[in-house]
């Protein structure tokens, strides 16, 4: 049985969100909070060209002051399986929001 985590952005005004393609709740199955945060960053992280001298930028999904993480005890998400982003689903949720060519 693998824990399921809910990652919730709490500070969308942080400029580091420029380095993420998603800025809403994420549900992740992962062995611990650190693994859940790293998986979210890997899934949604973007390379950015922050201006020189603008200070150090940190990936938003890995920062507790920007994203709240909580373990979900009761969920309809499957708790068996590998570390995985469960929501949003790339196959259904995000595909529908992709720009049309």
N, C-alpha and C. Protein backbone atom coordinates (compact mmCIF):
# COMPACT_ATOMS: atom_id res chain seq x y z
N UNK A 1 0.85 -1.18 0.00
CA UNK A 1 0.00 0.00 0.00
C UNK A 1 0.89 1.25 0.00
N UNK A 2 0.62 2.15 -0.92
CA UNK A 2 1.44 3.36 -1.09
C UNK A 2 0.60 4.56 -0.67
N UNK A 3 1.19 5.52 0.07
CA UNK A 3 0.44 6.72 0.45
C UNK A 3 0.03 7.54 -0.78
N UNK A 4 -1.09 8.25 -0.64
CA UNK A 4 -1.56 9.18 -1.67
C UNK A 4 -1.47 10.58 -1.06
N UNK A 5 -0.90 11.51 -1.84
CA UNK A 5 -0.64 12.88 -1.36
C UNK A 5 -1.43 13.89 -2.17
N UNK A 6 -1.89 14.93 -1.48
CA UNK A 6 -2.53 16.07 -2.13
C UNK A 6 -1.59 17.26 -1.97
N UNK A 7 -1.15 17.82 -3.09
CA UNK A 7 -0.30 19.00 -3.08
C UNK A 7 -1.15 20.19 -3.52
N UNK A 8 -1.20 21.19 -2.66
CA UNK A 8 -2.06 22.35 -2.89
C UNK A 8 -1.23 23.63 -2.91
N UNK A 9 -1.21 24.35 -4.03
CA UNK A 9 -0.52 25.65 -4.04
C UNK A 9 -1.15 26.60 -3.03
N UNK A 10 -0.31 27.27 -2.25
CA UNK A 10 -0.82 28.22 -1.25
C UNK A 10 -0.36 29.65 -1.52
N UNK A 11 0.60 29.81 -2.40
CA UNK A 11 1.10 31.15 -2.69
C UNK A 11 1.34 31.27 -4.19
N UNK A 12 0.28 31.54 -4.94
CA UNK A 12 0.40 31.65 -6.39
C UNK A 12 1.03 32.97 -6.83
N UNK A 13 1.27 33.88 -5.89
CA UNK A 13 1.93 35.15 -6.22
C UNK A 13 3.45 35.01 -6.28
N UNK A 14 3.97 33.88 -5.83
CA UNK A 14 5.41 33.65 -5.85
C UNK A 14 5.88 33.59 -7.31
N UNK A 15 6.88 34.36 -7.68
CA UNK A 15 7.36 34.39 -9.07
C UNK A 15 7.90 33.04 -9.56
N UNK A 16 8.24 32.15 -8.65
CA UNK A 16 8.75 30.84 -9.04
C UNK A 16 7.71 29.99 -9.78
N UNK A 17 6.43 30.39 -9.72
CA UNK A 17 5.40 29.65 -10.46
C UNK A 17 5.59 29.76 -11.97
N UNK A 18 6.41 30.71 -12.40
CA UNK A 18 6.73 30.79 -13.83
C UNK A 18 7.42 29.51 -14.29
N UNK A 19 7.96 28.75 -13.35
CA UNK A 19 8.68 27.52 -13.67
C UNK A 19 7.79 26.29 -13.55
N UNK A 20 6.47 26.47 -13.67
CA UNK A 20 5.55 25.33 -13.60
C UNK A 20 4.46 25.46 -14.65
N UNK A 21 4.14 24.34 -15.29
CA UNK A 21 3.07 24.32 -16.30
C UNK A 21 1.70 24.11 -15.67
N UNK A 22 1.65 23.81 -14.39
CA UNK A 22 0.38 23.55 -13.69
C UNK A 22 0.42 24.29 -12.36
N UNK A 23 -0.70 24.93 -12.02
CA UNK A 23 -0.74 25.74 -10.80
C UNK A 23 -2.00 25.48 -10.00
N UNK A 24 -2.36 24.22 -9.89
CA UNK A 24 -3.56 23.83 -9.15
C UNK A 24 -3.25 22.55 -8.38
N UNK A 25 -4.25 22.00 -7.71
CA UNK A 25 -4.08 20.81 -6.89
C UNK A 25 -3.56 19.65 -7.73
N UNK A 26 -2.66 18.88 -7.10
CA UNK A 26 -2.09 17.68 -7.70
C UNK A 26 -2.27 16.54 -6.71
N UNK A 27 -2.67 15.38 -7.20
CA UNK A 27 -2.77 14.18 -6.38
C UNK A 27 -1.71 13.21 -6.88
N UNK A 28 -0.89 12.72 -5.94
CA UNK A 28 0.23 11.87 -6.30
C UNK A 28 0.31 10.67 -5.35
N UNK A 29 0.57 9.52 -5.95
CA UNK A 29 0.87 8.32 -5.14
C UNK A 29 2.39 8.25 -5.06
N UNK A 30 2.91 8.28 -3.82
CA UNK A 30 4.37 8.25 -3.62
C UNK A 30 4.68 7.75 -2.22
N UNK A 31 5.88 7.23 -2.06
CA UNK A 31 6.27 6.62 -0.77
C UNK A 31 6.34 7.63 0.38
N UNK A 32 6.65 8.90 0.06
CA UNK A 32 6.72 9.92 1.11
C UNK A 32 6.51 11.30 0.48
N UNK A 33 6.42 12.31 1.34
CA UNK A 33 6.17 13.67 0.87
C UNK A 33 7.26 14.18 -0.07
N UNK A 34 8.49 13.91 0.26
CA UNK A 34 9.59 14.37 -0.59
C UNK A 34 9.49 13.77 -2.00
N UNK A 35 9.18 12.49 -2.08
CA UNK A 35 9.03 11.84 -3.39
C UNK A 35 7.85 12.43 -4.15
N UNK A 36 6.76 12.75 -3.45
CA UNK A 36 5.59 13.35 -4.09
C UNK A 36 5.94 14.72 -4.67
N UNK A 37 6.65 15.52 -3.90
CA UNK A 37 7.05 16.86 -4.36
C UNK A 37 7.99 16.77 -5.57
N UNK A 38 8.94 15.86 -5.52
CA UNK A 38 9.88 15.71 -6.63
C UNK A 38 9.15 15.24 -7.89
N UNK A 39 8.18 14.35 -7.74
CA UNK A 39 7.44 13.86 -8.89
C UNK A 39 6.60 14.97 -9.50
N UNK A 40 5.99 15.82 -8.66
CA UNK A 40 5.22 16.96 -9.17
C UNK A 40 6.13 17.91 -9.92
N UNK A 41 7.30 18.18 -9.37
CA UNK A 41 8.23 19.08 -10.04
C UNK A 41 8.70 18.50 -11.37
N UNK A 42 8.96 17.20 -11.39
CA UNK A 42 9.38 16.55 -12.63
C UNK A 42 8.28 16.62 -13.68
N UNK A 43 7.03 16.41 -13.25
CA UNK A 43 5.89 16.39 -14.18
C UNK A 43 5.55 17.77 -14.72
N UNK A 44 5.64 18.81 -13.87
CA UNK A 44 5.14 20.13 -14.25
C UNK A 44 6.21 21.22 -14.35
N UNK A 45 7.43 20.90 -13.98
CA UNK A 45 8.50 21.90 -13.99
C UNK A 45 8.86 22.33 -15.41
N UNK A 46 9.14 23.62 -15.55
CA UNK A 46 9.55 24.21 -16.82
C UNK A 46 10.87 24.93 -16.64
N UNK A 47 11.68 24.93 -17.67
CA UNK A 47 12.89 25.76 -17.65
C UNK A 47 12.46 27.18 -17.96
N UNK A 48 13.03 28.12 -17.25
CA UNK A 48 12.70 29.53 -17.47
C UNK A 48 13.97 30.34 -17.63
N UNK A 49 13.81 31.51 -18.17
CA UNK A 49 14.91 32.46 -18.30
C UNK A 49 14.64 33.63 -17.38
N UNK A 50 14.86 33.40 -16.08
CA UNK A 50 14.70 34.49 -15.13
C UNK A 50 15.79 35.52 -15.38
N UNK A 51 15.48 36.80 -15.22
CA UNK A 51 16.49 37.84 -15.46
C UNK A 51 17.68 37.70 -14.50
N UNK A 52 18.87 37.98 -15.01
CA UNK A 52 20.08 37.94 -14.18
C UNK A 52 19.94 38.91 -13.02
N UNK A 53 20.43 38.48 -11.86
CA UNK A 53 20.38 39.34 -10.68
C UNK A 53 19.02 39.36 -10.00
N UNK A 54 18.12 38.52 -10.46
CA UNK A 54 16.78 38.48 -9.87
C UNK A 54 16.67 37.60 -8.65
N UNK A 55 17.80 37.09 -8.15
CA UNK A 55 17.78 36.23 -6.99
C UNK A 55 17.67 34.77 -7.39
N UNK A 56 17.87 33.91 -6.42
CA UNK A 56 17.81 32.47 -6.67
C UNK A 56 16.36 32.05 -6.82
N UNK A 57 16.08 31.28 -7.85
CA UNK A 57 14.74 30.77 -8.07
C UNK A 57 14.71 29.31 -7.68
N UNK A 58 13.66 28.88 -7.01
CA UNK A 58 13.54 27.50 -6.55
C UNK A 58 12.28 26.88 -7.12
N UNK A 59 12.34 25.62 -7.51
CA UNK A 59 11.16 24.94 -8.04
C UNK A 59 10.00 25.00 -7.05
N UNK A 60 8.83 25.48 -7.48
CA UNK A 60 7.73 25.69 -6.55
C UNK A 60 7.21 24.43 -5.88
N UNK A 61 7.14 23.32 -6.59
CA UNK A 61 6.54 22.10 -6.03
C UNK A 61 7.36 21.52 -4.89
N UNK A 62 8.62 21.88 -4.78
CA UNK A 62 9.48 21.33 -3.73
C UNK A 62 9.49 22.19 -2.47
N UNK A 63 8.82 23.34 -2.50
CA UNK A 63 8.87 24.31 -1.40
C UNK A 63 7.60 24.28 -0.54
N UNK A 64 7.78 23.99 0.75
CA UNK A 64 6.65 23.92 1.68
C UNK A 64 5.96 25.27 1.87
N UNK A 65 6.66 26.39 1.67
CA UNK A 65 6.05 27.70 1.84
C UNK A 65 5.19 28.09 0.64
N UNK A 66 5.29 27.34 -0.45
CA UNK A 66 4.55 27.64 -1.67
C UNK A 66 3.49 26.58 -1.96
N UNK A 67 3.77 25.34 -1.55
CA UNK A 67 2.85 24.23 -1.79
C UNK A 67 2.68 23.42 -0.51
N UNK A 68 1.43 23.29 -0.08
CA UNK A 68 1.10 22.49 1.11
C UNK A 68 0.96 21.03 0.68
N UNK A 69 1.54 20.12 1.45
CA UNK A 69 1.41 18.69 1.17
C UNK A 69 0.69 18.01 2.33
N UNK A 70 -0.27 17.17 1.98
CA UNK A 70 -0.96 16.41 3.02
C UNK A 70 -1.27 15.01 2.52
N UNK A 71 -1.13 14.07 3.41
CA UNK A 71 -1.43 12.68 3.06
C UNK A 71 -2.95 12.49 3.12
N UNK A 72 -3.50 11.88 2.10
CA UNK A 72 -4.93 11.62 2.04
C UNK A 72 -5.17 10.21 2.58
N UNK A 73 -5.93 10.11 3.65
CA UNK A 73 -6.18 8.80 4.26
C UNK A 73 -7.29 8.05 3.55
N UNK A 74 -8.36 8.74 3.19
CA UNK A 74 -9.49 8.11 2.50
C UNK A 74 -9.60 8.73 1.12
N UNK A 75 -9.46 7.89 0.11
CA UNK A 75 -9.48 8.40 -1.24
C UNK A 75 -10.00 7.34 -2.20
N UNK A 76 -10.52 7.78 -3.31
CA UNK A 76 -10.95 6.81 -4.32
C UNK A 76 -9.82 6.50 -5.28
N UNK A 77 -8.67 7.13 -5.11
CA UNK A 77 -7.51 6.83 -5.94
C UNK A 77 -6.88 5.52 -5.49
N UNK A 78 -6.37 4.76 -6.42
CA UNK A 78 -5.72 3.48 -6.15
C UNK A 78 -4.44 3.71 -5.36
N UNK A 79 -4.28 2.99 -4.24
CA UNK A 79 -3.08 3.15 -3.42
C UNK A 79 -2.05 2.06 -3.68
N UNK A 80 -2.30 1.23 -4.66
CA UNK A 80 -1.32 0.22 -5.07
C UNK A 80 -0.76 0.60 -6.43
N UNK A 81 0.55 0.53 -6.53
CA UNK A 81 1.19 0.86 -7.80
C UNK A 81 2.42 1.70 -7.58
N UNK A 82 3.06 2.09 -8.67
CA UNK A 82 4.29 2.88 -8.58
C UNK A 82 4.01 4.34 -8.25
N UNK A 83 5.08 5.07 -7.94
CA UNK A 83 4.96 6.52 -7.77
C UNK A 83 4.38 7.08 -9.06
N UNK A 84 3.34 7.91 -8.93
CA UNK A 84 2.63 8.36 -10.13
C UNK A 84 1.77 9.58 -9.84
N UNK A 85 1.68 10.49 -10.82
CA UNK A 85 0.73 11.60 -10.76
C UNK A 85 -0.64 11.01 -11.10
N UNK A 86 -1.59 11.13 -10.18
CA UNK A 86 -2.93 10.59 -10.37
C UNK A 86 -3.90 11.65 -10.89
N UNK A 87 -3.68 12.90 -10.49
CA UNK A 87 -4.51 14.02 -10.94
C UNK A 87 -3.65 15.27 -11.00
N UNK A 88 -3.65 16.01 -12.03
CA UNK A 88 -4.47 15.82 -13.22
C UNK A 88 -3.92 14.67 -14.07
N UNK A 89 -4.82 14.06 -14.81
CA UNK A 89 -4.45 12.97 -15.69
C UNK A 89 -4.00 13.55 -17.03
N UNK A 90 -2.84 13.18 -17.47
CA UNK A 90 -2.33 13.68 -18.74
C UNK A 90 -3.18 13.18 -19.91
N UNK A 91 -3.75 11.97 -19.76
CA UNK A 91 -4.53 11.40 -20.85
C UNK A 91 -5.89 12.06 -21.03
N UNK A 92 -6.48 12.53 -19.94
CA UNK A 92 -7.82 13.12 -20.09
C UNK A 92 -7.87 14.59 -19.68
N UNK A 93 -7.45 14.92 -18.48
CA UNK A 93 -7.58 16.29 -17.98
C UNK A 93 -6.77 17.31 -18.76
N UNK A 94 -5.50 17.03 -18.99
CA UNK A 94 -4.63 18.02 -19.63
C UNK A 94 -4.73 18.01 -21.14
N UNK A 95 -5.05 16.88 -21.74
CA UNK A 95 -5.16 16.82 -23.19
C UNK A 95 -6.25 17.76 -23.68
N UNK A 96 -7.34 17.86 -22.93
CA UNK A 96 -8.45 18.68 -23.35
C UNK A 96 -8.13 20.17 -23.29
N UNK A 97 -7.09 20.56 -22.56
CA UNK A 97 -6.74 21.98 -22.45
C UNK A 97 -5.59 22.36 -23.37
N UNK A 98 -5.08 21.40 -24.12
CA UNK A 98 -3.97 21.71 -25.03
C UNK A 98 -4.47 22.58 -26.17
N UNK A 99 -3.66 23.55 -26.58
CA UNK A 99 -4.08 24.42 -27.70
C UNK A 99 -4.25 23.62 -28.98
N UNK A 100 -5.22 23.98 -29.74
CA UNK A 100 -5.49 23.29 -31.01
C UNK A 100 -4.56 23.86 -32.08
N UNK A 101 -3.99 22.98 -32.94
CA UNK A 101 -3.06 23.46 -33.98
C UNK A 101 -3.78 24.28 -35.04
